[in-house]
Amino acid sequence: MLDLSFRPEDCMEEFVLEYENRLYRTAIAIIGNKADAEDIVQDCQGN
């Protein structure tokens, strides 16, 4: 059986996991702080 979920939270988490490195690098470029960039990407994952 296929495990299809159309909940926005699941789609967002999948997106973040797929693009985690790119999101992290983008956050560093915008924020300028590695620790804050890590926090931002983790918050997107819901951790």
Protein backbone atom coordinates (compact mmCIF):
# COMPACT_ATOMS: atom_id res chain seq x y z
CA MET A 1 0.00 0.00 0.00
CA LEU A 2 1.28 3.45 -0.86
CA ASP A 3 1.93 5.80 2.01
CA LEU A 4 0.68 9.04 0.49
CA SER A 5 0.19 12.02 2.71
CA PHE A 6 -1.09 15.37 1.62
CA ARG A 7 -0.61 17.14 4.93
CA PRO A 8 1.31 20.41 4.45
CA GLU A 9 3.62 19.50 7.35
CA ASP A 10 4.73 16.33 5.59
CA CYS A 11 5.36 18.15 2.33
CA MET A 12 7.39 20.83 4.08
CA GLU A 13 9.49 18.30 5.99
CA GLU A 14 10.19 16.35 2.80
CA PHE A 15 11.19 19.58 1.04
CA VAL A 16 13.51 20.61 3.87
CA LEU A 17 15.16 17.19 3.99
CA GLU A 18 15.71 17.21 0.24
CA TYR A 19 17.13 20.74 0.14
CA GLU A 20 18.68 20.93 3.61
CA ASN A 21 22.18 21.87 2.42
CA ARG A 22 20.91 24.54 0.05
CA LEU A 23 18.61 25.98 2.72
CA TYR A 24 21.48 26.04 5.21
CA ARG A 25 23.81 27.84 2.79
CA THR A 26 21.07 30.32 1.91
CA ALA A 27 20.36 30.98 5.59
CA ILE A 28 24.08 31.62 6.22
CA ALA A 29 24.17 34.05 3.29
CA ILE A 30 21.16 35.95 4.62
CA ILE A 31 21.78 35.76 8.38
CA GLY A 32 25.58 35.67 8.35
CA ASN A 33 25.77 33.38 11.38
CA LYS A 34 26.28 29.59 11.15
CA ALA A 35 24.63 28.80 14.49
CA ASP A 36 21.52 30.81 13.65
CA ALA A 37 21.39 29.22 10.17
CA GLU A 38 21.44 25.76 11.76
CA ASP A 39 18.60 26.78 14.08
CA ILE A 40 16.54 28.07 11.16
CA VAL A 41 16.91 24.85 9.16
CA GLN A 42 16.13 22.74 12.26
CA ASP A 43 13.02 24.84 12.94
CA CYS A 44 11.87 24.18 9.38
CA GLN A 45 12.23 20.44 10.05
CA GLY A 46 10.11 20.73 13.16
CA ASN A 47 12.86 19.43 15.47
